[in-house]
């Protein structure tokens, strides 16, 4: 979808990028103590579950026309390394 939207919207100077977050502490994820408190932490190489504010830097970067004006069609994983296979 990201790639298709880039093709359609770049003529209007609209940049399209995707952020793929890993586990982020929220009501949707549930309490960190629900079931096994270490379920996600044991799988994330960085060793912790992200807070929503951990996404702020990338969001600000992508929203900045001066910092990321040539970035479009990109997909960014912010997942503590879990997409690379996680901990073994």
PDB file of N, CA and C in Angstrom:
ATOM      1  N   UNK A   1       0.821  -1.181   0.000  1.00  0.00           N
ATOM      2  CA  UNK A   1       0.000   0.000   0.000  1.00  0.00           C
ATOM      3  C   UNK A   1       0.877   1.262   0.000  1.00  0.00           C
ATOM      4  N   UNK A   2       1.944   1.234   0.807  1.00  0.00           N
ATOM      5  CA  UNK A   2       2.847   2.389   0.857  1.00  0.00           C
ATOM      6  C   UNK A   2       3.399   2.701  -0.526  1.00  0.00           C
ATOM      7  N   UNK A   3       3.895   1.686  -1.205  1.00  0.00           N
ATOM      8  CA  UNK A   3       4.488   1.888  -2.536  1.00  0.00           C
ATOM      9  C   UNK A   3       3.449   2.403  -3.536  1.00  0.00           C
ATOM     10  N   UNK A   4       2.238   1.877  -3.478  1.00  0.00           N
ATOM     11  CA  UNK A   4       1.190   2.335  -4.389  1.00  0.00           C
ATOM     12  C   UNK A   4       0.837   3.798  -4.142  1.00  0.00           C
ATOM     13  N   UNK A   5       0.745   4.177  -2.865  1.00  0.00           N
ATOM     14  CA  UNK A   5       0.405   5.561  -2.544  1.00  0.00           C
ATOM     15  C   UNK A   5       1.513   6.525  -2.951  1.00  0.00           C
ATOM     16  N   UNK A   6       2.762   6.089  -2.878  1.00  0.00           N
ATOM     17  CA  UNK A   6       3.870   6.939  -3.329  1.00  0.00           C
ATOM     18  C   UNK A   6       3.679   7.280  -4.799  1.00  0.00           C
ATOM     19  N   UNK A   7       3.363   6.279  -5.603  1.00  0.00           N
ATOM     20  CA  UNK A   7       3.166   6.494  -7.033  1.00  0.00           C
ATOM     21  C   UNK A   7       2.020   7.462  -7.298  1.00  0.00           C
ATOM     22  N   UNK A   8       0.949   7.312  -6.544  1.00  0.00           N
ATOM     23  CA  UNK A   8      -0.229   8.150  -6.763  1.00  0.00           C
ATOM     24  C   UNK A   8      -0.086   9.574  -6.222  1.00  0.00           C
ATOM     25  N   UNK A   9       0.599   9.741  -5.095  1.00  0.00           N
ATOM     26  CA  UNK A   9       0.568  11.030  -4.405  1.00  0.00           C
ATOM     27  C   UNK A   9       1.834  11.873  -4.523  1.00  0.00           C
ATOM     28  N   UNK A  10       2.915  11.310  -5.036  1.00  0.00           N
ATOM     29  CA  UNK A  10       4.152  12.086  -5.131  1.00  0.00           C
ATOM     30  C   UNK A  10       4.007  13.300  -6.049  1.00  0.00           C
ATOM     31  N   UNK A  11       3.160  13.213  -7.040  1.00  0.00           N
ATOM     32  CA  UNK A  11       2.945  14.358  -7.932  1.00  0.00           C
ATOM     33  C   UNK A  11       2.377  15.563  -7.179  1.00  0.00           C
ATOM     34  N   UNK A  12       1.761  15.310  -6.014  1.00  0.00           N
ATOM     35  CA  UNK A  12       1.200  16.391  -5.194  1.00  0.00           C
ATOM     36  C   UNK A  12       2.136  16.782  -4.044  1.00  0.00           C
ATOM     37  N   UNK A  13       3.377  16.294  -4.109  1.00  0.00           N
ATOM     38  CA  UNK A  13       4.392  16.569  -3.079  1.00  0.00           C
ATOM     39  C   UNK A  13       3.995  15.992  -1.718  1.00  0.00           C
ATOM     40  N   UNK A  14       3.278  14.878  -1.743  1.00  0.00           N
ATOM     41  CA  UNK A  14       2.896  14.186  -0.511  1.00  0.00           C
ATOM     42  C   UNK A  14       3.806  12.969  -0.369  1.00  0.00           C
ATOM     43  N   UNK A  15       4.504  12.913   0.756  1.00  0.00           N
ATOM     44  CA  UNK A  15       5.404  11.791   1.034  1.00  0.00           C
ATOM     45  C   UNK A  15       4.652  10.733   1.832  1.00  0.00           C
ATOM     46  N   UNK A  16       4.882   9.467   1.513  1.00  0.00           N
ATOM     47  CA  UNK A  16       4.231   8.348   2.185  1.00  0.00           C
ATOM     48  C   UNK A  16       5.308   7.432   2.759  1.00  0.00           C
ATOM     49  N   UNK A  17       5.239   7.208   4.054  1.00  0.00           N
ATOM     50  CA  UNK A  17       6.158   6.301   4.731  1.00  0.00           C
ATOM     51  C   UNK A  17       5.360   5.479   5.738  1.00  0.00           C
ATOM     52  N   UNK A  18       5.940   4.371   6.155  1.00  0.00           N
ATOM     53  CA  UNK A  18       5.264   3.471   7.087  1.00  0.00           C
ATOM     54  C   UNK A  18       6.144   3.237   8.301  1.00  0.00           C
ATOM     55  N   UNK A  19       5.523   3.249   9.475  1.00  0.00           N
ATOM     56  CA  UNK A  19       6.205   2.871  10.713  1.00  0.00           C
ATOM     57  C   UNK A  19       5.589   1.560  11.188  1.00  0.00           C
ATOM     58  N   UNK A  20       6.430   0.555  11.369  1.00  0.00           N
ATOM     59  CA  UNK A  20       5.991  -0.747  11.879  1.00  0.00           C
ATOM     60  C   UNK A  20       6.525  -0.907  13.299  1.00  0.00           C
ATOM     61  N   UNK A  21       5.720  -0.553  14.291  1.00  0.00           N
ATOM     62  CA  UNK A  21       6.207  -0.703  15.664  1.00  0.00           C
ATOM     63  C   UNK A  21       6.112  -2.154  16.128  1.00  0.00           C
ATOM     64  N   UNK A  22       7.011  -2.516  17.006  1.00  0.00           N
ATOM     65  CA  UNK A  22       6.900  -3.796  17.688  1.00  0.00           C
ATOM     66  C   UNK A  22       5.953  -3.620  18.861  1.00  0.00           C
ATOM     67  N   UNK A  23       6.089  -4.446  19.883  1.00  0.00           N
ATOM     68  CA  UNK A  23       5.219  -4.302  21.047  1.00  0.00           C
ATOM     69  C   UNK A  23       5.409  -2.937  21.709  1.00  0.00           C
ATOM     70  N   UNK A  24       4.310  -2.237  21.897  1.00  0.00           N
ATOM     71  CA  UNK A  24       4.312  -0.928  22.553  1.00  0.00           C
ATOM     72  C   UNK A  24       3.337  -1.018  23.718  1.00  0.00           C
ATOM     73  N   UNK A  25       3.786  -0.592  24.885  1.00  0.00           N
ATOM     74  CA  UNK A  25       2.932  -0.663  26.066  1.00  0.00           C
ATOM     75  C   UNK A  25       1.685   0.184  25.864  1.00  0.00           C
ATOM     76  N   UNK A  26       0.527  -0.462  25.889  1.00  0.00           N
ATOM     77  CA  UNK A  26      -0.748   0.221  25.703  1.00  0.00           C
ATOM     78  C   UNK A  26      -1.855  -0.686  26.214  1.00  0.00           C
ATOM     79  N   UNK A  27      -3.067  -0.169  26.216  1.00  0.00           N
ATOM     80  CA  UNK A  27      -4.208  -0.985  26.619  1.00  0.00           C
ATOM     81  C   UNK A  27      -4.402  -2.168  25.682  1.00  0.00           C
ATOM     82  N   UNK A  28      -4.038  -2.010  24.417  1.00  0.00           N
ATOM     83  CA  UNK A  28      -4.181  -3.110  23.462  1.00  0.00           C
ATOM     84  C   UNK A  28      -3.219  -4.252  23.773  1.00  0.00           C
ATOM     85  N   UNK A  29      -2.018  -3.909  24.248  1.00  0.00           N
ATOM     86  CA  UNK A  29      -1.040  -4.938  24.584  1.00  0.00           C
ATOM     87  C   UNK A  29      -1.416  -5.622  25.885  1.00  0.00           C
ATOM     88  N   UNK A  30      -2.092  -4.902  26.755  1.00  0.00           N
ATOM     89  CA  UNK A  30      -2.460  -5.451  28.052  1.00  0.00           C
ATOM     90  C   UNK A  30      -1.399  -5.137  29.081  1.00  0.00           C
ATOM     91  N   UNK A  31      -1.689  -5.460  30.269  1.00  0.00           N
ATOM     92  CA  UNK A  31      -0.754  -5.233  31.370  1.00  0.00           C
ATOM     93  C   UNK A  31       0.504  -6.051  31.142  1.00  0.00           C
ATOM     94  N   UNK A  32       1.666  -5.501  31.471  1.00  0.00           N
ATOM     95  CA  UNK A  32       2.885  -6.299  31.322  1.00  0.00           C
ATOM     96  C   UNK A  32       2.862  -7.537  32.221  1.00  0.00           C
ATOM     97  N   UNK A  33       2.012  -7.542  33.248  1.00  0.00           N
ATOM     98  CA  UNK A  33       1.919  -8.692  34.141  1.00  0.00           C
ATOM     99  C   UNK A  33       0.836  -9.677  33.737  1.00  0.00           C
ATOM    100  N   UNK A  34       0.118  -9.380  32.641  1.00  0.00           N
ATOM    101  CA  UNK A  34      -0.923 -10.297  32.168  1.00  0.00           C
ATOM    102  C   UNK A  34      -0.257 -11.567  31.650  1.00  0.00           C
ATOM    103  N   UNK A  35      -0.723 -12.687  32.083  1.00  0.00           N
ATOM    104  CA  UNK A  35      -0.156 -13.991  31.732  1.00  0.00           C
ATOM    105  C   UNK A  35       1.276 -14.068  32.241  1.00  0.00           C
ATOM    106  N   UNK A  36       2.241 -13.978  31.380  1.00  0.00           N
ATOM    107  CA  UNK A  36       3.647 -14.059  31.773  1.00  0.00           C
ATOM    108  C   UNK A  36       4.279 -12.682  31.630  1.00  0.00           C
ATOM    109  N   UNK A  37       4.778 -12.099  32.721  1.00  0.00           N
ATOM    110  CA  UNK A  37       5.322 -10.738  32.651  1.00  0.00           C
ATOM    111  C   UNK A  37       6.514 -10.604  31.720  1.00  0.00           C
ATOM    112  N   UNK A  38       7.172 -11.691  31.406  1.00  0.00           N
ATOM    113  CA  UNK A  38       8.359 -11.613  30.555  1.00  0.00           C
ATOM    114  C   UNK A  38       8.106 -12.095  29.132  1.00  0.00           C
ATOM    115  N   UNK A  39       6.828 -12.311  28.763  1.00  0.00           N
ATOM    116  CA  UNK A  39       6.516 -12.849  27.441  1.00  0.00           C
ATOM    117  C   UNK A  39       7.180 -12.041  26.328  1.00  0.00           C
ATOM    118  N   UNK A  40       6.956 -10.733  26.284  1.00  0.00           N
ATOM    119  CA  UNK A  40       7.556  -9.910  25.229  1.00  0.00           C
ATOM    120  C   UNK A  40       9.000  -9.591  25.536  1.00  0.00           C
ATOM    121  N   UNK A  41       9.298  -9.254  26.778  1.00  0.00           N
ATOM    122  CA  UNK A  41      10.671  -8.854  27.122  1.00  0.00           C
ATOM    123  C   UNK A  41      11.683  -9.942  26.792  1.00  0.00           C
ATOM    124  N   UNK A  42      11.287 -11.201  26.951  1.00  0.00           N
ATOM    125  CA  UNK A  42      12.197 -12.309  26.659  1.00  0.00           C
ATOM    126  C   UNK A  42      12.426 -12.498  25.167  1.00  0.00           C
ATOM    127  N   UNK A  43      11.613 -11.880  24.335  1.00  0.00           N
ATOM    128  CA  UNK A  43      11.738 -12.026  22.880  1.00  0.00           C
ATOM    129  C   UNK A  43      12.393 -10.820  22.205  1.00  0.00           C
ATOM    130  N   UNK A  44      12.487  -9.707  22.905  1.00  0.00           N
ATOM    131  CA  UNK A  44      12.998  -8.460  22.327  1.00  0.00           C
ATOM    132  C   UNK A  44      14.483  -8.303  22.674  1.00  0.00           C
ATOM    133  N   UNK A  45      15.370  -8.252  21.666  1.00  0.00           N
ATOM    134  CA  UNK A  45      16.790  -8.103  21.951  1.00  0.00           C
ATOM    135  C   UNK A  45      17.133  -6.899  22.839  1.00  0.00           C
ATOM    136  N   UNK A  46      16.420  -5.795  22.696  1.00  0.00           N
ATOM    137  CA  UNK A  46      16.695  -4.624  23.546  1.00  0.00           C
ATOM    138  C   UNK A  46      16.269  -4.857  24.993  1.00  0.00           C
ATOM    139  N   UNK A  47      15.400  -5.843  25.233  1.00  0.00           N
ATOM    140  CA  UNK A  47      15.064  -6.239  26.588  1.00  0.00           C
ATOM    141  C   UNK A  47      13.943  -5.467  27.266  1.00  0.00           C
ATOM    142  N   UNK A  48      13.219  -4.644  26.518  1.00  0.00           N
ATOM    143  CA  UNK A  48      12.097  -3.928  27.133  1.00  0.00           C
ATOM    144  C   UNK A  48      11.012  -3.673  26.106  1.00  0.00           C
ATOM    145  N   UNK A  49       9.800  -3.451  26.615  1.00  0.00           N
ATOM    146  CA  UNK A  49       8.655  -3.103  25.775  1.00  0.00           C
ATOM    147  C   UNK A  49       8.650  -1.589  25.618  1.00  0.00           C
ATOM    148  N   UNK A  50       8.484  -1.116  24.395  1.00  0.00           N
ATOM    149  CA  UNK A  50       8.522   0.324  24.122  1.00  0.00           C
ATOM    150  C   UNK A  50       7.334   1.045  24.761  1.00  0.00           C
ATOM    151  N   UNK A  51       7.567   2.274  25.112  1.00  0.00           N
ATOM    152  CA  UNK A  51       6.504   3.195  25.507  1.00  0.00           C
ATOM    153  C   UNK A  51       6.099   3.959  24.242  1.00  0.00           C
ATOM    154  N   UNK A  52       4.886   4.466  24.168  1.00  0.00           N
ATOM    155  CA  UNK A  52       4.488   5.241  22.987  1.00  0.00           C
ATOM    156  C   UNK A  52       5.468   6.364  22.650  1.00  0.00           C
ATOM    157  N   UNK A  53       6.047   6.984  23.659  1.00  0.00           N
ATOM    158  CA  UNK A  53       6.983   8.092  23.414  1.00  0.00           C
ATOM    159  C   UNK A  53       8.272   7.637  22.733  1.00  0.00           C
ATOM    160  N   UNK A  54       8.562   6.332  22.745  1.00  0.00           N
ATOM    161  CA  UNK A  54       9.755   5.830  22.066  1.00  0.00           C
ATOM    162  C   UNK A  54       9.644   5.941  20.548  1.00  0.00           C
ATOM    163  N   UNK A  55       8.452   6.190  20.034  1.00  0.00           N
ATOM    164  CA  UNK A  55       8.247   6.369  18.599  1.00  0.00           C
ATOM    165  C   UNK A  55       8.380   7.831  18.173  1.00  0.00           C
ATOM    166  N   UNK A  56       8.416   8.733  19.151  1.00  0.00           N
ATOM    167  CA  UNK A  56       8.385  10.173  18.869  1.00  0.00           C
ATOM    168  C   UNK A  56       9.480  10.651  17.926  1.00  0.00           C
ATOM    169  N   UNK A  57      10.695  10.186  18.121  1.00  0.00           N
ATOM    170  CA  UNK A  57      11.816  10.672  17.318  1.00  0.00           C
ATOM    171  C   UNK A  57      11.624  10.422  15.828  1.00  0.00           C
ATOM    172  N   UNK A  58      11.218   9.207  15.483  1.00  0.00           N
ATOM    173  CA  UNK A  58      11.005   8.893  14.071  1.00  0.00           C
ATOM    174  C   UNK A  58       9.817   9.655  13.511  1.00  0.00           C
ATOM    175  N   UNK A  59       8.765   9.787  14.300  1.00  0.00           N
ATOM    176  CA  UNK A  59       7.591  10.539  13.837  1.00  0.00           C
ATOM    177  C   UNK A  59       7.969  11.988  13.565  1.00  0.00           C
ATOM    178  N   UNK A  60       8.736  12.593  14.461  1.00  0.00           N
ATOM    179  CA  UNK A  60       9.169  13.983  14.258  1.00  0.00           C
ATOM    180  C   UNK A  60      10.082  14.106  13.045  1.00  0.00           C
ATOM    181  N   UNK A  61      10.969  13.146  12.870  1.00  0.00           N
ATOM    182  CA  UNK A  61      11.852  13.151  11.705  1.00  0.00           C
ATOM    183  C   UNK A  61      11.045  13.111  10.406  1.00  0.00           C
ATOM    184  N   UNK A  62      10.094  12.191  10.331  1.00  0.00           N
ATOM    185  CA  UNK A  62       9.296  12.063   9.113  1.00  0.00           C
ATOM    186  C   UNK A  62       8.387  13.260   8.884  1.00  0.00           C
ATOM    187  N   UNK A  63       7.968  13.919   9.947  1.00  0.00           N
ATOM    188  CA  UNK A  63       7.100  15.093   9.813  1.00  0.00           C
ATOM    189  C   UNK A  63       7.874  16.347   9.420  1.00  0.00           C
ATOM    190  N   UNK A  64       9.190  16.300   9.548  1.00  0.00           N
ATOM    191  CA  UNK A  64      10.014  17.469   9.245  1.00  0.00           C
ATOM    192  C   UNK A  64      10.349  17.526   7.758  1.00  0.00           C
ATOM    193  N   UNK A  65       9.903  18.559   7.095  1.00  0.00           N
ATOM    194  CA  UNK A  65      10.213  18.718   5.677  1.00  0.00           C
ATOM    195  C   UNK A  65      11.689  18.977   5.432  1.00  0.00           C
ATOM    196  N   UNK A  66      12.372  19.588   6.387  1.00  0.00           N
ATOM    197  CA  UNK A  66      13.795  19.843   6.165  1.00  0.00           C
ATOM    198  C   UNK A  66      14.643  18.602   6.437  1.00  0.00           C
ATOM    199  N   UNK A  67      14.242  17.758   7.374  1.00  0.00           N
ATOM    200  CA  UNK A  67      15.042  16.585   7.714  1.00  0.00           C
ATOM    201  C   UNK A  67      14.785  15.398   6.793  1.00  0.00           C
ATOM    202  N   UNK A  68      13.558  15.246   6.331  1.00  0.00           N
ATOM    203  CA  UNK A  68      13.228  14.027   5.578  1.00  0.00           C
ATOM    204  C   UNK A  68      12.530  14.307   4.252  1.00  0.00           C
ATOM    205  N   UNK A  69      12.824  15.438   3.648  1.00  0.00           N
ATOM    206  CA  UNK A  69      12.076  15.811   2.440  1.00  0.00           C
ATOM    207  C   UNK A  69      12.301  14.870   1.256  1.00  0.00           C
ATOM    208  N   UNK A  70      13.365  14.065   1.289  1.00  0.00           N
ATOM    209  CA  UNK A  70      13.640  13.153   0.187  1.00  0.00           C
ATOM    210  C   UNK A  70      13.320  11.703   0.560  1.00  0.00           C
ATOM    211  N   UNK A  71      12.665  11.503   1.705  1.00  0.00           N
ATOM    212  CA  UNK A  71      12.316  10.166   2.181  1.00  0.00           C
ATOM    213  C   UNK A  71      10.857   9.896   1.847  1.00  0.00           C
ATOM    214  N   UNK A  72      10.633   8.932   0.979  1.00  0.00           N
ATOM    215  CA  UNK A  72       9.270   8.518   0.659  1.00  0.00           C
ATOM    216  C   UNK A  72       9.289   7.067   0.215  1.00  0.00           C
ATOM    217  N   UNK A  73       8.237   6.362   0.546  1.00  0.00           N
ATOM    218  CA  UNK A  73       8.150   4.946   0.203  1.00  0.00           C
ATOM    219  C   UNK A  73       8.948   4.051   1.131  1.00  0.00           C
ATOM    220  N   UNK A  74       9.362   4.584   2.262  1.00  0.00           N
ATOM    221  CA  UNK A  74      10.185   3.821   3.194  1.00  0.00           C
ATOM    222  C   UNK A  74       9.331   3.176   4.283  1.00  0.00           C
ATOM    223  N   UNK A  75       9.817   2.046   4.767  1.00  0.00           N
ATOM    224  CA  UNK A  75       9.189   1.363   5.891  1.00  0.00           C
ATOM    225  C   UNK A  75      10.218   1.268   7.011  1.00  0.00           C
ATOM    226  N   UNK A  76       9.838   1.726   8.182  1.00  0.00           N
ATOM    227  CA  UNK A  76      10.728   1.758   9.336  1.00  0.00           C
ATOM    228  C   UNK A  76      10.196   0.830  10.420  1.00  0.00           C
ATOM    229  N   UNK A  77      11.035  -0.080  10.893  1.00  0.00           N
ATOM    230  CA  UNK A  77      10.678  -0.945  12.020  1.00  0.00           C
ATOM    231  C   UNK A  77      11.259  -0.337  13.288  1.00  0.00           C
ATOM    232  N   UNK A  78      10.393  -0.103  14.263  1.00  0.00           N
ATOM    233  CA  UNK A  78      10.835   0.317  15.598  1.00  0.00           C
ATOM    234  C   UNK A  78      10.346  -0.777  16.534  1.00  0.00           C
ATOM    235  N   UNK A  79      11.188  -1.788  16.721  1.00  0.00           N
ATOM    236  CA  UNK A  79      10.710  -2.974  17.424  1.00  0.00           C
ATOM    237  C   UNK A  79      11.747  -3.596  18.349  1.00  0.00           C
ATOM    238  N   UNK A  80      12.789  -2.859  18.661  1.00  0.00           N
ATOM    239  CA  UNK A  80      13.797  -3.389  19.574  1.00  0.00           C
ATOM    240  C   UNK A  80      14.564  -4.572  19.030  1.00  0.00           C
ATOM    241  N   UNK A  81      14.479  -4.802  17.728  1.00  0.00           N
ATOM    242  CA  UNK A  81      15.209  -5.902  17.085  1.00  0.00           C
ATOM    243  C   UNK A  81      14.419  -7.189  16.928  1.00  0.00           C
ATOM    244  N   UNK A  82      13.155  -7.191  17.343  1.00  0.00           N
ATOM    245  CA  UNK A  82      12.372  -8.429  17.281  1.00  0.00           C
ATOM    246  C   UNK A  82      12.147  -8.897  15.833  1.00  0.00           C
ATOM    247  N   UNK A  83      12.094  -7.972  14.877  1.00  0.00           N
ATOM    248  CA  UNK A  83      11.866  -8.369  13.479  1.00  0.00           C
ATOM    249  C   UNK A  83      13.078  -9.077  12.884  1.00  0.00           C
ATOM    250  N   UNK A  84      14.212  -9.002  13.542  1.00  0.00           N
ATOM    251  CA  UNK A  84      15.409  -9.695  13.066  1.00  0.00           C
ATOM    252  C   UNK A  84      15.540 -11.076  13.690  1.00  0.00           C
ATOM    253  N   UNK A  85      14.467 -11.548  14.293  1.00  0.00           N
ATOM    254  CA  UNK A  85      14.469 -12.894  14.837  1.00  0.00           C
ATOM    255  C   UNK A  85      14.331 -12.941  16.353  1.00  0.00           C
ATOM    256  N   UNK A  86      14.473 -11.804  16.983  1.00  0.00           N
ATOM    257  CA  UNK A  86      14.335 -11.773  18.432  1.00  0.00           C
ATOM    258  C   UNK A  86      15.459 -12.515  19.135  1.00  0.00           C
ATOM    259  N   UNK A  87      15.264 -12.764  20.394  1.00  0.00           N
ATOM    260  CA  UNK A  87      16.259 -13.490  21.176  1.00  0.00           C
ATOM    261  C   UNK A  87      16.092 -14.972  20.952  1.00  0.00           C
ATOM    262  N   UNK A  88      17.225 -15.671  20.967  1.00  0.00           N
ATOM    263  CA  UNK A  88      17.125 -17.125  20.825  1.00  0.00           C
ATOM    264  C   UNK A  88      17.172 -17.806  22.167  1.00  0.00           C
TER     265      UNK A  88
END
